[in-house]
Amino acid sequence: MSHNQQKQQTAKDPKDPSNLYSALGIPINASEDDIKRAYKKQALKYHPDRNQDDKETANKMFLEISKAYKILSDANARNKYDRFGVVEGDNDGGMGGMHAGMNPFDMFSNLFGGMGMQGMQGMGMPGMGQHGMDQAQQRRNAKSPDKQHTISLTLKDLYNGKTVPIDFQRIVKCDKCDGLGAVNKDNIKSCGVCGGKGRTVRMQQMGPMIHQTVQPCYQCAGSGKIVEKGYECAQCGGKKSLVQNRHVDCYIRPGAAIGSHITFKNESDWVADFGDMGDLVIYIDAKNDDAGMRREGDNLVMKRSIALLDALTQTVIYFRHFDDRVVKIVYDGIIHPGASMIIEGEGMPKFNDPMFKGSLIVNFDIVFPTHIEKERAKYLTKILPAAKKQIWDIALETTPESDITVKTMKPHTVTNEKTANQANNQFYDDADNIDNDLREDAWRRVAGGVAGGVAGGGNPIECATQ
């Protein structure tokens, strides 16, 4: 295998953290057909039987390609990976992502019509060696499929951390017969239906062609062996396995992310022919908001409505945090409508170091009074600063009274309706158009005198102070 064939993309793309898309050489928005075509191409390229000079490296590459295809060809698994970067069944040992019970070489064979390596060689596929990959050996080197469980938590649980007791059942090897299913090895016979191959071939005439389907043997469940009647294990009844009740305490660390998982090694089901037991993988599911706070990464976001008086004088907020502390926030400055304030150290605990926390962000909504008496309004005009006026405002205010049209206004409820010009069915925004016209007219009237000789095509300017 050449250096280019062995090369894999190792740089972590934030949108492809486990390099699943790069393993198949496809973009993140690839279609289902693109994924299937890419898998066929890469699987043929890196299959161990086509790379006899470096079979170990080829086998590793082949497993990575198979893992990528297994996840990306499953709509639910792909969606979870795209959203959270989660690879279902991923672990440090075994084949992460191959938890659905399919051996990668079985998957390869099924996708190519059940032919396998030797069948492809017979069809003239170049580079296919005579020594087909021993699928039983591959299973013995792999772990059984992972067992998955999802726990539902609150945002408060993720803030404080929580221990969740989990009771489940798993399949274990029968200790009496050591997984044989029979009294002794002499009672294990070759299956008469499949001839010990573990698979049956079905031939079906389809017009001028014959369609061949390869499927697991129904008699021996694909093992190729059966137990003689009357010699089944007394404890498991020939099933080779027993059902075991298990209990684990799953500790969720403070700051854990939604969609993340905790792995308990070798707590999955025992499956005959696999070398080791898979893992129990606990996935975390939780709502992103709780008690008026929303999580954004390591930060918490809160929305608070305060009175106009508080916004102008002093703002005091009390709230109960997720750890049951009562927190008081005081701000002596002026808070403007739509303002956001930040309180450091009151956000979510950082997962890698819970002693440090993100920030609490408070978004303010100012509640204005619905009515003010005229006498009190006079005091406000003395206390509150007047708004800075634009040049066009000054020009409009100096317009003779005889040229001014006086109108009154009332509260307006905003709707999605627009005013239609009945003549040509064009839609427009009356207020904006009128306001723009007035501004342009005002500028034209004062530009020459106030702007100090600026040409009529110049931009309006503002007074610095009034």
Protein backbone atom coordinates (compact mmCIF):
# COMPACT_ATOMS: atom_id res chain seq x y z
CA MET A 1 0.00 0.00 0.00
CA SER A 2 1.45 3.38 -1.01
CA HIS A 3 1.89 6.33 1.32
CA ASN A 4 -1.02 8.14 -0.35
CA GLN A 5 -3.25 5.12 0.17
CA GLN A 6 -2.39 5.00 3.85
CA LYS A 7 -2.82 8.72 4.42
CA GLN A 8 -5.91 9.74 6.35
CA GLN A 9 -7.09 13.22 7.31
CA THR A 10 -6.15 13.69 10.94
CA ALA A 11 -7.06 17.36 11.36
CA LYS A 12 -10.27 17.70 13.36
CA ASP A 13 -12.96 19.54 11.44
CA PRO A 14 -15.37 21.06 14.00
CA LYS A 15 -18.27 19.86 11.83
CA ASP A 16 -16.72 16.40 11.44
CA PRO A 17 -15.03 15.71 14.82
CA SER A 18 -14.65 11.95 14.26
CA ASN A 19 -13.60 12.34 10.59
CA LEU A 20 -16.49 10.21 9.33
CA TYR A 21 -17.07 12.30 6.22
CA SER A 22 -13.36 12.62 5.50
CA ALA A 23 -12.92 8.83 5.85
CA LEU A 24 -15.27 8.43 2.89
CA GLY A 25 -13.89 11.47 1.09
CA ILE A 26 -17.26 13.24 0.87
CA PRO A 27 -18.60 16.68 1.90
CA ILE A 28 -20.83 17.07 4.95
CA ASN A 29 -23.90 17.74 2.78
CA ALA A 30 -23.44 14.54 0.75
CA SER A 31 -26.59 12.69 -0.30
CA GLU A 32 -27.41 9.07 0.56
CA ASP A 33 -26.33 7.96 -2.91
CA ASP A 34 -23.04 9.85 -2.54
CA ILE A 35 -22.37 8.08 0.76
CA LYS A 36 -23.08 4.66 -0.72
CA ARG A 37 -20.93 5.25 -3.79
CA ALA A 38 -18.07 6.60 -1.69
CA TYR A 39 -18.20 3.60 0.64
CA LYS A 40 -18.04 1.12 -2.25
CA LYS A 41 -15.07 2.94 -3.73
CA GLN A 42 -13.15 3.24 -0.46
CA ALA A 43 -14.01 -0.28 0.74
CA LEU A 44 -12.70 -1.82 -2.47
CA LYS A 45 -9.59 0.35 -2.31
CA TYR A 46 -8.65 -0.52 1.26
CA HIS A 47 -9.97 -4.07 1.62
CA PRO A 48 -7.23 -6.20 3.24
CA ASP A 49 -7.39 -8.78 0.46
CA ARG A 50 -6.34 -6.11 -2.04
CA ASN A 51 -3.42 -4.91 0.08
CA GLN A 52 -1.45 -8.02 0.94
CA ASP A 53 1.75 -5.99 1.36
CA ASP A 54 0.36 -4.08 4.36
CA LYS A 55 -2.64 -6.02 5.55
CA GLU A 56 -2.62 -4.63 9.09
CA THR A 57 -2.86 -1.01 7.96
CA ALA A 58 -5.47 -1.91 5.35
CA ASN A 59 -7.58 -3.68 7.96
CA LYS A 60 -7.50 -0.60 10.21
CA MET A 61 -8.50 1.65 7.32
CA PHE A 62 -11.24 -0.75 6.26
CA LEU A 63 -12.77 -0.73 9.74
CA GLU A 64 -12.74 3.09 9.85
CA ILE A 65 -14.44 3.29 6.46
CA SER A 66 -17.03 0.72 7.53
CA LYS A 67 -17.68 2.63 10.75
CA ALA A 68 -18.20 5.87 8.83
CA TYR A 69 -20.62 4.24 6.39
CA LYS A 70 -22.55 2.47 9.15
CA ILE A 71 -23.25 5.78 10.93
CA LEU A 72 -23.76 8.09 7.95
CA SER A 73 -26.09 5.65 6.16
CA ASP A 74 -28.37 5.62 9.22
CA ALA A 75 -30.52 8.79 9.19
CA ASN A 76 -30.94 8.93 12.98
CA ALA A 77 -27.29 8.22 13.75
CA ARG A 78 -26.16 10.75 11.15
CA ASN A 79 -28.49 13.43 12.54
CA LYS A 80 -27.15 12.89 16.07
CA TYR A 81 -23.56 13.07 14.78
CA ASP A 82 -24.22 16.24 12.75
CA ARG A 83 -25.92 17.96 15.71
CA PHE A 84 -23.81 16.83 18.66
CA GLY A 85 -20.71 15.21 17.18
CA VAL A 86 -21.79 11.99 18.91
CA VAL A 87 -20.69 8.66 17.45
CA GLU A 88 -23.05 6.05 18.81
CA GLY A 89 -21.19 3.17 20.38
CA ASP A 90 -17.81 4.86 20.09
CA ASN A 91 -15.22 3.59 22.55
CA ASP A 92 -11.53 3.16 23.01
CA GLY A 93 -11.58 -0.51 22.12
CA GLY A 94 -13.44 -2.34 19.40
CA MET A 95 -15.23 -0.83 16.47
CA GLY A 96 -16.99 2.35 17.54
CA GLY A 97 -20.22 2.91 15.68
CA MET A 98 -20.58 -0.76 14.62
CA HIS A 99 -23.00 -1.37 17.50
CA ALA A 100 -25.93 -2.47 15.36
CA GLY A 101 -24.67 -6.05 15.27
CA MET A 102 -23.18 -6.09 11.79
CA ASN A 103 -19.62 -7.21 11.17
CA PRO A 104 -17.88 -4.83 8.71
CA PHE A 105 -17.01 -7.71 6.39
CA ASP A 106 -20.62 -8.92 6.49
CA MET A 107 -21.71 -5.40 5.59
CA PHE A 108 -19.25 -5.34 2.70
CA SER A 109 -20.47 -8.69 1.43
CA ASN A 110 -24.15 -7.72 1.70
CA LEU A 111 -23.65 -4.44 -0.12
CA PHE A 112 -21.99 -6.28 -3.00
CA GLY A 113 -24.78 -8.81 -3.30
CA GLY A 114 -23.44 -11.39 -0.85
CA MET A 115 -20.52 -12.33 -3.10
CA GLY A 116 -17.62 -11.60 -0.77
CA MET A 117 -14.02 -11.62 -1.92
CA GLN A 118 -14.01 -14.86 -3.80
CA GLY A 119 -17.19 -13.99 -5.65
CA MET A 120 -15.70 -10.71 -6.79
CA GLN A 121 -12.57 -12.47 -7.94
CA GLY A 122 -14.72 -14.75 -10.06
CA MET A 123 -16.29 -11.69 -11.64
CA GLY A 124 -12.89 -10.33 -12.56
CA MET A 125 -12.41 -7.84 -9.73
CA PRO A 126 -8.69 -6.99 -9.83
CA GLY A 127 -6.43 -7.49 -6.83
CA MET A 128 -8.71 -9.91 -4.94
CA GLY A 129 -6.55 -12.59 -3.33
CA GLN A 130 -7.43 -16.24 -2.97
CA HIS A 131 -7.34 -15.98 0.81
CA GLY A 132 -10.68 -14.39 1.70
CA MET A 133 -10.85 -12.62 5.02
CA ASP A 134 -11.81 -15.01 7.78
CA GLN A 135 -14.99 -13.38 9.05
CA ALA A 136 -15.11 -15.59 12.12
CA GLN A 137 -11.63 -14.38 13.02
CA GLN A 138 -12.76 -10.79 12.61
CA ARG A 139 -15.60 -11.38 15.05
CA ARG A 140 -13.23 -12.95 17.55
CA ASN A 141 -11.09 -9.81 17.42
CA ALA A 142 -14.08 -7.50 17.85
CA LYS A 143 -16.43 -6.58 20.69
CA SER A 144 -20.11 -7.43 20.66
CA PRO A 145 -22.59 -4.63 19.85
CA ASP A 146 -22.90 -1.89 22.46
CA LYS A 147 -26.03 -1.62 24.59
CA GLN A 148 -27.52 1.89 24.66
CA HIS A 149 -29.60 3.68 27.27
CA THR A 150 -30.83 7.29 27.44
CA ILE A 151 -31.46 9.20 30.65
CA SER A 152 -33.54 12.38 30.83
CA LEU A 153 -32.24 15.12 33.10
CA THR A 154 -32.96 18.76 33.88
CA LEU A 155 -30.64 21.71 33.35
CA LYS A 156 -30.38 21.88 37.13
CA ASP A 157 -29.09 18.29 37.15
CA LEU A 158 -26.42 19.20 34.60
CA TYR A 159 -25.42 22.22 36.70
CA ASN A 160 -25.00 20.31 39.97
CA GLY A 161 -24.09 16.88 38.67
CA LYS A 162 -26.14 13.83 39.54
CA THR A 163 -25.85 10.11 40.20
CA VAL A 164 -28.51 8.14 38.31
CA PRO A 165 -29.19 4.50 39.27
CA ILE A 166 -29.74 2.30 36.21
CA ASP A 167 -31.17 -1.22 36.29
CA PHE A 168 -31.04 -3.29 33.12
CA GLN A 169 -30.80 -6.82 31.82
CA ARG A 170 -28.01 -8.24 29.74
CA ILE A 171 -27.18 -11.58 28.15
CA VAL A 172 -24.20 -13.44 29.61
CA LYS A 173 -22.48 -16.65 28.61
CA CYS A 174 -23.83 -19.74 30.35
CA ASP A 175 -21.26 -20.66 32.98
CA LYS A 176 -22.34 -24.30 33.14
CA CYS A 177 -21.61 -25.16 29.50
CA ASP A 178 -19.20 -22.26 28.86
CA GLY A 179 -21.33 -21.04 25.97
CA LEU A 180 -21.50 -24.37 24.12
CA GLY A 181 -25.19 -24.95 24.65
CA ALA A 182 -24.47 -28.68 24.91
CA VAL A 183 -23.28 -31.14 27.53
CA ASN A 184 -19.89 -31.38 25.80
CA LYS A 185 -18.21 -30.59 22.49
CA ASP A 186 -19.03 -34.00 21.05
CA ASN A 187 -22.70 -33.02 21.03
CA ILE A 188 -22.05 -30.09 18.65
CA LYS A 189 -22.75 -31.10 15.04
CA SER A 190 -22.56 -29.38 11.69
CA CYS A 191 -25.87 -27.91 10.55
CA GLY A 192 -27.55 -30.11 7.97
CA VAL A 193 -29.41 -27.25 6.29
CA CYS A 194 -26.45 -25.05 5.38
CA GLY A 195 -23.74 -27.70 5.53
CA GLY A 196 -21.93 -25.84 8.30
CA LYS A 197 -21.53 -22.64 6.26
CA GLY A 198 -24.00 -20.63 8.32
CA ARG A 199 -25.64 -19.24 5.18
CA THR A 200 -28.11 -20.38 2.62
CA VAL A 201 -28.33 -19.34 -1.01
CA ARG A 202 -31.66 -18.67 -2.63
CA MET A 203 -31.91 -18.68 -6.43
CA GLN A 204 -34.79 -16.81 -8.06
CA GLN A 205 -35.60 -16.60 -11.77
CA MET A 206 -36.19 -12.98 -12.83
CA GLY A 207 -36.89 -12.93 -16.55
CA PRO A 208 -33.82 -14.09 -18.46
CA MET A 209 -31.61 -13.69 -15.36
CA ILE A 210 -31.20 -15.60 -12.13
CA HIS A 211 -31.04 -13.55 -8.92
CA GLN A 212 -28.96 -14.97 -6.07
CA THR A 213 -29.68 -14.04 -2.45
CA VAL A 214 -27.40 -15.04 0.43
CA GLN A 215 -28.90 -15.01 3.93
CA PRO A 216 -28.15 -16.45 7.39
CA CYS A 217 -29.27 -20.02 7.89
CA TYR A 218 -32.59 -20.20 9.71
CA GLN A 219 -31.74 -23.54 11.36
CA CYS A 220 -28.46 -22.63 13.07
CA ALA A 221 -28.93 -18.81 13.13
CA GLY A 222 -25.80 -18.40 11.03
CA SER A 223 -23.44 -20.33 13.32
CA GLY A 224 -23.14 -23.39 11.08
CA LYS A 225 -23.51 -25.67 14.10
CA ILE A 226 -26.38 -27.18 16.06
CA VAL A 227 -26.74 -29.11 19.33
CA GLU A 228 -27.89 -32.70 19.15
CA LYS A 229 -31.37 -33.14 20.53
CA GLY A 230 -31.38 -34.51 24.05
CA TYR A 231 -27.90 -33.20 24.82
CA GLU A 232 -28.73 -29.55 25.46
CA CYS A 233 -27.24 -27.83 28.51
CA ALA A 234 -29.54 -28.27 31.51
CA GLN A 235 -29.03 -24.68 32.64
CA CYS A 236 -29.45 -22.68 29.40
CA GLY A 237 -31.48 -25.23 27.42
CA GLY A 238 -29.09 -25.05 24.49
CA LYS A 239 -29.29 -21.28 24.14
CA LYS A 240 -25.64 -20.87 25.23
CA SER A 241 -26.55 -17.82 27.31
CA LEU A 242 -28.49 -16.61 30.34
CA VAL A 243 -30.29 -13.36 31.21
CA GLN A 244 -28.64 -11.42 34.03
CA ASN A 245 -30.03 -8.48 36.02
CA ARG A 246 -27.51 -5.67 36.41
CA HIS A 247 -27.32 -2.40 38.33
CA VAL A 248 -24.92 0.51 37.77
CA ASP A 249 -24.74 3.98 39.27
CA CYS A 250 -24.12 6.51 36.52
CA TYR A 251 -22.49 9.74 37.73
CA ILE A 252 -23.16 12.79 35.54
CA ARG A 253 -20.42 15.35 36.06
CA PRO A 254 -21.36 19.04 36.48
CA GLY A 255 -21.35 20.84 33.14
CA ALA A 256 -22.02 17.74 31.03
CA ALA A 257 -23.35 18.54 27.57
CA ILE A 258 -26.67 17.41 26.14
CA GLY A 259 -26.02 14.50 23.77
CA SER A 260 -22.80 13.43 25.50
CA HIS A 261 -22.41 9.91 26.81
CA ILE A 262 -20.88 7.85 29.61
CA THR A 263 -19.44 4.42 28.85
CA PHE A 264 -19.40 1.37 31.13
CA LYS A 265 -16.88 -1.08 29.69
CA ASN A 266 -17.95 -4.66 28.93
CA GLU A 267 -21.49 -4.24 30.26
CA SER A 268 -23.27 -5.12 27.01
CA ASP A 269 -24.60 -8.51 25.90
CA TRP A 270 -22.45 -11.56 25.34
CA VAL A 271 -22.70 -12.72 21.74
CA ALA A 272 -21.21 -16.01 20.63
CA ASP A 273 -18.20 -15.75 18.27
CA PHE A 274 -17.30 -12.24 19.48
CA GLY A 275 -14.04 -12.01 21.40
CA ASP A 276 -15.27 -9.62 24.07
CA MET A 277 -18.43 -8.03 25.39
CA GLY A 278 -19.38 -4.58 24.17
CA ASP A 279 -20.09 -1.58 26.37
CA LEU A 280 -23.11 -0.01 28.00
CA VAL A 281 -23.37 3.53 26.62
CA ILE A 282 -25.52 6.02 28.55
CA TYR A 283 -26.65 9.05 26.53
CA ILE A 284 -27.68 12.31 28.21
CA ASP A 285 -30.90 14.01 27.15
CA ALA A 286 -32.15 17.22 28.77
CA LYS A 287 -34.10 20.37 28.05
CA ASN A 288 -31.94 23.40 27.39
CA ASP A 289 -33.88 25.68 29.77
CA ASP A 290 -35.01 25.48 33.36
CA ALA A 291 -36.33 27.91 36.00
CA GLY A 292 -36.19 30.89 33.65
CA MET A 293 -32.60 30.28 32.53
CA ARG A 294 -31.35 28.98 29.19
CA ARG A 295 -27.99 27.37 28.50
CA GLU A 296 -25.64 28.65 25.80
CA GLY A 297 -22.41 26.69 26.03
CA ASP A 298 -20.85 27.45 29.42
CA ASN A 299 -23.10 30.49 29.90
CA LEU A 300 -26.61 30.85 31.28
CA VAL A 301 -29.02 33.42 29.84
CA MET A 302 -31.86 35.00 31.81
CA LYS A 303 -34.51 37.51 30.71
CA ARG A 304 -35.82 40.01 33.26
CA SER A 305 -38.43 42.77 33.05
CA ILE A 306 -37.83 45.83 35.24
CA ALA A 307 -39.76 49.05 35.79
CA LEU A 308 -38.61 52.26 34.13
CA LEU A 309 -37.94 53.76 37.56
CA ASP A 310 -35.53 50.92 38.40
CA ALA A 311 -33.84 51.23 35.03
CA LEU A 312 -33.17 54.94 35.68
CA THR A 313 -32.20 54.73 39.35
CA GLN A 314 -31.05 51.39 40.72
CA THR A 315 -31.76 47.85 39.59
CA VAL A 316 -31.94 45.06 42.18
CA ILE A 317 -32.65 41.46 41.16
CA TYR A 318 -33.10 38.41 43.37
CA PHE A 319 -33.20 34.86 42.03
CA ARG A 320 -32.61 31.32 43.27
CA HIS A 321 -29.77 29.58 41.45
CA PHE A 322 -29.61 25.89 40.52
CA ASP A 323 -27.53 25.14 43.63
CA ASP A 324 -30.32 26.72 45.78
CA ARG A 325 -28.30 29.84 46.58
CA VAL A 326 -30.31 33.07 46.64
CA VAL A 327 -28.39 35.53 44.48
CA LYS A 328 -28.79 39.31 44.67
CA ILE A 329 -27.66 41.46 41.74
CA VAL A 330 -27.32 45.23 42.18
CA TYR A 331 -26.61 47.77 39.44
CA ASP A 332 -26.55 51.52 40.11
CA GLY A 333 -26.22 52.68 36.52
CA ILE A 334 -28.90 53.30 33.91
CA ILE A 335 -30.14 50.28 32.00
CA HIS A 336 -31.34 50.95 28.47
CA PRO A 337 -34.10 49.00 26.70
CA GLY A 338 -32.69 45.80 25.21
CA ALA A 339 -29.50 46.02 27.28
CA SER A 340 -27.61 42.89 28.34
CA MET A 341 -25.57 42.66 31.53
CA ILE A 342 -23.08 39.94 32.45
CA ILE A 343 -22.29 38.41 35.84
CA GLU A 344 -19.09 36.39 35.69
CA GLY A 345 -18.84 33.07 37.48
CA GLU A 346 -22.60 32.42 37.67
CA GLY A 347 -22.96 30.33 34.50
CA MET A 348 -22.61 26.59 33.95
CA PRO A 349 -19.66 24.71 35.47
CA LYS A 350 -16.94 23.96 32.95
CA PHE A 351 -16.98 20.23 32.27
CA ASN A 352 -13.21 19.75 32.45
CA ASP A 353 -12.86 21.94 35.56
CA PRO A 354 -16.13 22.37 37.52
CA MET A 355 -14.41 24.82 39.89
CA PHE A 356 -14.65 27.40 37.12
CA LYS A 357 -17.97 28.53 35.70
CA GLY A 358 -19.17 30.49 32.72
CA SER A 359 -21.15 33.73 32.97
CA LEU A 360 -24.76 34.63 33.61
CA ILE A 361 -26.13 36.98 30.95
CA VAL A 362 -29.23 39.00 31.85
CA ASN A 363 -31.28 40.47 28.99
CA PHE A 364 -33.44 43.36 30.19
CA ASP A 365 -36.88 44.43 29.09
CA ILE A 366 -37.92 47.87 30.37
CA VAL A 367 -41.58 48.19 31.37
CA PHE A 368 -42.83 51.72 30.69
CA PRO A 369 -45.84 53.23 32.52
CA THR A 370 -49.06 53.27 30.56
CA HIS A 371 -50.01 56.80 31.73
CA ILE A 372 -48.39 59.85 33.38
CA GLU A 373 -50.34 62.83 34.70
CA LYS A 374 -49.48 66.18 33.11
CA GLU A 375 -48.33 67.71 36.37
CA ARG A 376 -45.86 64.91 36.95
CA ALA A 377 -44.76 65.04 33.33
CA LYS A 378 -43.60 68.63 33.92
CA TYR A 379 -41.16 67.41 36.55
CA LEU A 380 -39.80 64.82 34.15
CA THR A 381 -39.04 67.47 31.54
CA LYS A 382 -36.94 69.25 34.12
CA ILE A 383 -35.13 66.13 35.32
CA LEU A 384 -34.60 64.14 32.17
CA PRO A 385 -32.22 65.39 29.46
CA ALA A 386 -33.72 66.45 26.17
CA ALA A 387 -32.99 64.34 23.12
CA LYS A 388 -30.28 65.53 20.76
CA LYS A 389 -31.89 67.10 17.74
CA GLN A 390 -30.87 66.52 14.15
CA ILE A 391 -30.48 69.32 11.63
CA TRP A 392 -33.67 68.34 9.89
CA ASP A 393 -35.59 68.47 13.20
CA ILE A 394 -34.46 72.07 13.75
CA ALA A 395 -35.49 73.00 10.23
CA LEU A 396 -38.93 71.48 10.66
CA GLU A 397 -39.55 73.22 13.98
CA THR A 398 -38.82 76.62 12.40
CA THR A 399 -41.50 76.08 9.75
CA PRO A 400 -44.25 78.74 9.91
CA GLU A 401 -47.37 77.56 11.73
CA SER A 402 -49.47 78.29 8.65
CA ASP A 403 -47.47 75.65 6.74
CA ILE A 404 -47.82 72.95 9.41
CA THR A 405 -50.55 70.30 9.51
CA VAL A 406 -51.34 69.19 13.07
CA LYS A 407 -52.45 65.59 13.69
CA THR A 408 -53.06 63.43 16.75
CA MET A 409 -52.03 59.80 17.18
CA LYS A 410 -53.22 56.84 19.22
CA PRO A 411 -51.78 53.45 20.22
CA HIS A 412 -51.38 51.05 17.33
CA THR A 413 -51.44 47.26 17.40
CA VAL A 414 -48.85 45.89 14.99
CA THR A 415 -50.19 43.39 12.46
CA ASN A 416 -48.83 41.71 9.38
CA GLU A 417 -51.12 43.70 7.13
CA LYS A 418 -49.68 46.24 4.70
CA THR A 419 -51.35 49.19 2.97
CA ALA A 420 -51.98 48.43 -0.67
CA ASN A 421 -51.93 50.95 -3.48
CA GLN A 422 -55.25 50.14 -5.14
CA ALA A 423 -54.15 51.58 -8.46
CA ASN A 424 -51.14 49.37 -9.14
CA ASN A 425 -51.32 46.81 -6.28
CA GLN A 426 -47.89 47.83 -4.95
CA PHE A 427 -47.21 47.59 -1.22
CA TYR A 428 -45.39 50.26 0.71
CA ASP A 429 -44.75 51.46 4.25
CA ASP A 430 -46.51 54.86 4.63
CA ALA A 431 -44.68 56.05 7.72
CA ASP A 432 -41.19 55.31 6.45
CA ASN A 433 -41.82 56.91 3.07
CA ILE A 434 -43.27 60.09 4.58
CA ASP A 435 -40.48 60.35 7.14
CA ASN A 436 -37.80 59.93 4.47
CA ASP A 437 -39.43 62.58 2.27
CA LEU A 438 -39.54 65.05 5.15
CA ARG A 439 -35.92 64.46 6.01
CA GLU A 440 -34.75 64.96 2.45
CA ASP A 441 -36.83 68.12 2.11
CA ALA A 442 -35.50 69.52 5.39
CA TRP A 443 -31.94 68.85 4.40
CA ARG A 444 -32.37 70.60 1.08
CA ARG A 445 -33.74 73.66 2.88
CA VAL A 446 -30.89 74.07 5.38
CA ALA A 447 -27.91 72.40 3.74
CA GLY A 448 -26.65 75.57 2.13
CA GLY A 449 -26.61 77.67 5.30
CA VAL A 450 -25.86 75.22 8.10
CA ALA A 451 -23.50 72.85 6.33
CA GLY A 452 -21.13 75.68 5.58
CA GLY A 453 -21.17 75.58 1.82
CA VAL A 454 -21.48 71.81 1.36
CA ALA A 455 -22.87 70.98 -2.07
CA GLY A 456 -26.48 69.82 -2.34
CA GLY A 457 -25.38 66.23 -2.96
CA GLY A 458 -23.49 65.97 0.37
CA ASN A 459 -24.43 63.79 3.35
CA PRO A 460 -26.44 65.16 6.32
CA ILE A 461 -24.52 65.98 9.51
CA GLU A 462 -25.53 65.99 13.18
CA CYS A 463 -25.11 68.67 15.79
CA ALA A 464 -22.63 67.55 18.41
CA THR A 465 -24.49 69.23 21.29
CA GLN A 466 -27.65 71.20 21.89
